[in-house]
């Protein structure tokens, strides 16, 4: 069963975080991933697009995979369909970021259990922008 941290705990995580890698970030301003990431960027977070299909999003060079990011990542925010989460969870474990955050409507118990067994913080089926707005 997937259990997310409490809203106050998510708020503390967002206050502490600085760098967010966004898997599946689209360069189309009409897409939710773009709108959410722009709002987070406008709130002062460093956004790192992870999408092999685009070269740049929000003025930032895109990387093909999580392993291509230099430096520490606080949150990996996922905008991919739920069936891709187990594979992304393995990539996440290889880079040792802090928080695996799957967006609203995205969840996968296999990925959740894999990451929780390794001691990671996992959030699924929650919008990072909404949670951020609620902590202001």
Protein backbone atom coordinates (compact mmCIF):
# COMPACT_ATOMS: atom_id res chain seq x y z
CA UNK A 1 0.00 0.00 0.00
CA UNK A 2 1.30 3.43 -0.95
CA UNK A 3 1.54 5.86 1.96
CA UNK A 4 2.70 9.40 1.31
CA UNK A 5 4.32 11.63 3.91
CA UNK A 6 1.93 14.06 5.63
CA UNK A 7 1.27 17.46 4.08
CA UNK A 8 3.42 19.25 6.70
CA UNK A 9 6.26 16.76 6.00
CA UNK A 10 5.96 17.43 2.25
CA UNK A 11 6.04 21.14 3.02
CA UNK A 12 9.30 20.74 4.97
CA UNK A 13 10.82 18.73 2.10
CA UNK A 14 9.89 21.44 -0.39
CA UNK A 15 11.31 24.19 1.85
CA UNK A 16 14.63 22.32 2.05
CA UNK A 17 14.86 21.32 -1.63
CA UNK A 18 16.64 23.42 -4.25
CA UNK A 19 17.16 21.19 -7.32
CA UNK A 20 14.35 19.31 -9.03
CA UNK A 21 14.97 16.94 -11.94
CA UNK A 22 11.76 16.66 -13.97
CA UNK A 23 11.44 13.38 -15.88
CA UNK A 24 9.22 13.75 -18.94
CA UNK A 25 9.28 17.56 -18.95
CA UNK A 26 7.70 18.74 -22.21
CA UNK A 27 8.74 21.88 -24.08
CA UNK A 28 5.06 22.47 -24.95
CA UNK A 29 3.69 25.30 -22.74
CA UNK A 30 0.22 23.68 -22.92
CA UNK A 31 1.40 20.50 -21.14
CA UNK A 32 0.98 20.07 -17.39
CA UNK A 33 4.66 19.16 -16.93
CA UNK A 34 5.68 22.51 -18.45
CA UNK A 35 3.18 24.57 -16.42
CA UNK A 36 4.05 22.87 -13.13
CA UNK A 37 7.81 23.10 -13.74
CA UNK A 38 7.60 26.77 -14.77
CA UNK A 39 5.69 27.56 -11.57
CA UNK A 40 8.35 25.77 -9.51
CA UNK A 41 11.14 27.54 -11.42
CA UNK A 42 9.40 30.88 -10.82
CA UNK A 43 9.31 29.99 -7.10
CA UNK A 44 13.10 29.74 -7.05
CA UNK A 45 13.80 26.06 -7.69
CA UNK A 46 16.45 24.93 -10.15
CA UNK A 47 14.64 22.79 -12.73
CA UNK A 48 16.59 20.17 -14.70
CA UNK A 49 14.64 18.77 -17.67
CA UNK A 50 15.07 15.01 -18.22
CA UNK A 51 13.73 14.22 -21.68
CA UNK A 52 15.73 12.67 -24.55
CA UNK A 53 13.26 14.09 -27.10
CA UNK A 54 13.95 17.79 -26.44
CA UNK A 55 17.15 19.83 -26.27
CA UNK A 56 15.98 22.56 -23.91
CA UNK A 57 13.01 23.46 -21.73
CA UNK A 58 12.45 26.65 -19.69
CA UNK A 59 15.84 27.94 -20.82
CA UNK A 60 17.67 24.90 -19.41
CA UNK A 61 19.54 22.27 -21.43
CA UNK A 62 17.75 18.93 -21.21
CA UNK A 63 19.52 15.69 -20.26
CA UNK A 64 18.65 12.26 -21.65
CA UNK A 65 18.61 10.38 -18.32
CA UNK A 66 18.92 10.95 -14.57
CA UNK A 67 22.49 9.60 -14.61
CA UNK A 68 23.50 12.49 -16.92
CA UNK A 69 22.87 15.11 -14.22
CA UNK A 70 25.91 16.53 -12.46
CA UNK A 71 25.66 17.23 -8.75
CA UNK A 72 23.10 16.29 -6.13
CA UNK A 73 19.37 16.21 -6.87
CA UNK A 74 16.89 16.91 -4.08
CA UNK A 75 13.70 15.79 -5.84
CA UNK A 76 13.07 13.70 -8.95
CA UNK A 77 9.61 14.74 -10.15
CA UNK A 78 8.10 12.24 -12.61
CA UNK A 79 5.68 13.09 -15.42
CA UNK A 80 5.59 9.66 -17.08
CA UNK A 81 2.89 7.00 -17.13
CA UNK A 82 2.69 4.71 -14.11
CA UNK A 83 4.05 1.66 -15.98
CA UNK A 84 7.42 3.44 -16.40
CA UNK A 85 7.92 3.95 -12.65
CA UNK A 86 9.72 0.65 -11.82
CA UNK A 87 12.41 1.39 -14.42
CA UNK A 88 12.70 5.00 -13.23
CA UNK A 89 12.90 3.85 -9.60
CA UNK A 90 16.00 1.79 -10.49
CA UNK A 91 17.59 4.80 -12.25
CA UNK A 92 16.73 6.93 -9.22
CA UNK A 93 18.40 4.47 -6.82
CA UNK A 94 21.55 4.60 -8.96
CA UNK A 95 21.92 8.39 -8.62
CA UNK A 96 21.09 8.58 -4.91
CA UNK A 97 18.75 11.58 -5.01
CA UNK A 98 16.63 12.38 -1.93
CA UNK A 99 12.95 12.23 -2.94
CA UNK A 100 11.12 10.30 -5.67
CA UNK A 101 7.95 12.26 -6.49
CA UNK A 102 5.41 10.90 -8.98
CA UNK A 103 2.89 13.48 -10.16
CA UNK A 104 -0.88 13.45 -9.71
CA UNK A 105 -2.38 10.36 -11.31
CA UNK A 106 0.96 8.52 -11.41
CA UNK A 107 1.62 5.65 -9.02
CA UNK A 108 3.08 2.17 -9.05
CA UNK A 109 3.26 -0.15 -6.06
CA UNK A 110 6.25 -2.11 -7.39
CA UNK A 111 8.32 1.09 -7.73
CA UNK A 112 7.10 2.34 -4.35
CA UNK A 113 8.07 -0.87 -2.54
CA UNK A 114 11.45 -1.05 -4.30
CA UNK A 115 12.38 2.48 -3.17
CA UNK A 116 10.93 2.23 0.35
CA UNK A 117 12.91 -0.99 0.95
CA UNK A 118 16.05 1.01 0.10
CA UNK A 119 15.05 3.71 2.59
CA UNK A 120 14.06 6.46 0.16
CA UNK A 121 11.32 9.04 0.60
CA UNK A 122 8.61 8.35 -1.97
CA UNK A 123 5.60 10.48 -2.88
CA UNK A 124 3.07 9.30 -5.47
CA UNK A 125 -0.12 10.68 -6.99
CA UNK A 126 0.47 14.22 -5.67
CA UNK A 127 1.08 17.45 -7.60
CA UNK A 128 4.29 19.15 -6.46
CA UNK A 129 2.93 22.59 -7.45
CA UNK A 130 -0.25 22.11 -5.37
CA UNK A 131 1.73 20.88 -2.36
CA UNK A 132 4.14 23.81 -2.72
CA UNK A 133 1.26 26.30 -2.89
CA UNK A 134 -0.25 24.82 0.29
CA UNK A 135 3.00 25.31 2.24
CA UNK A 136 3.45 29.03 1.60
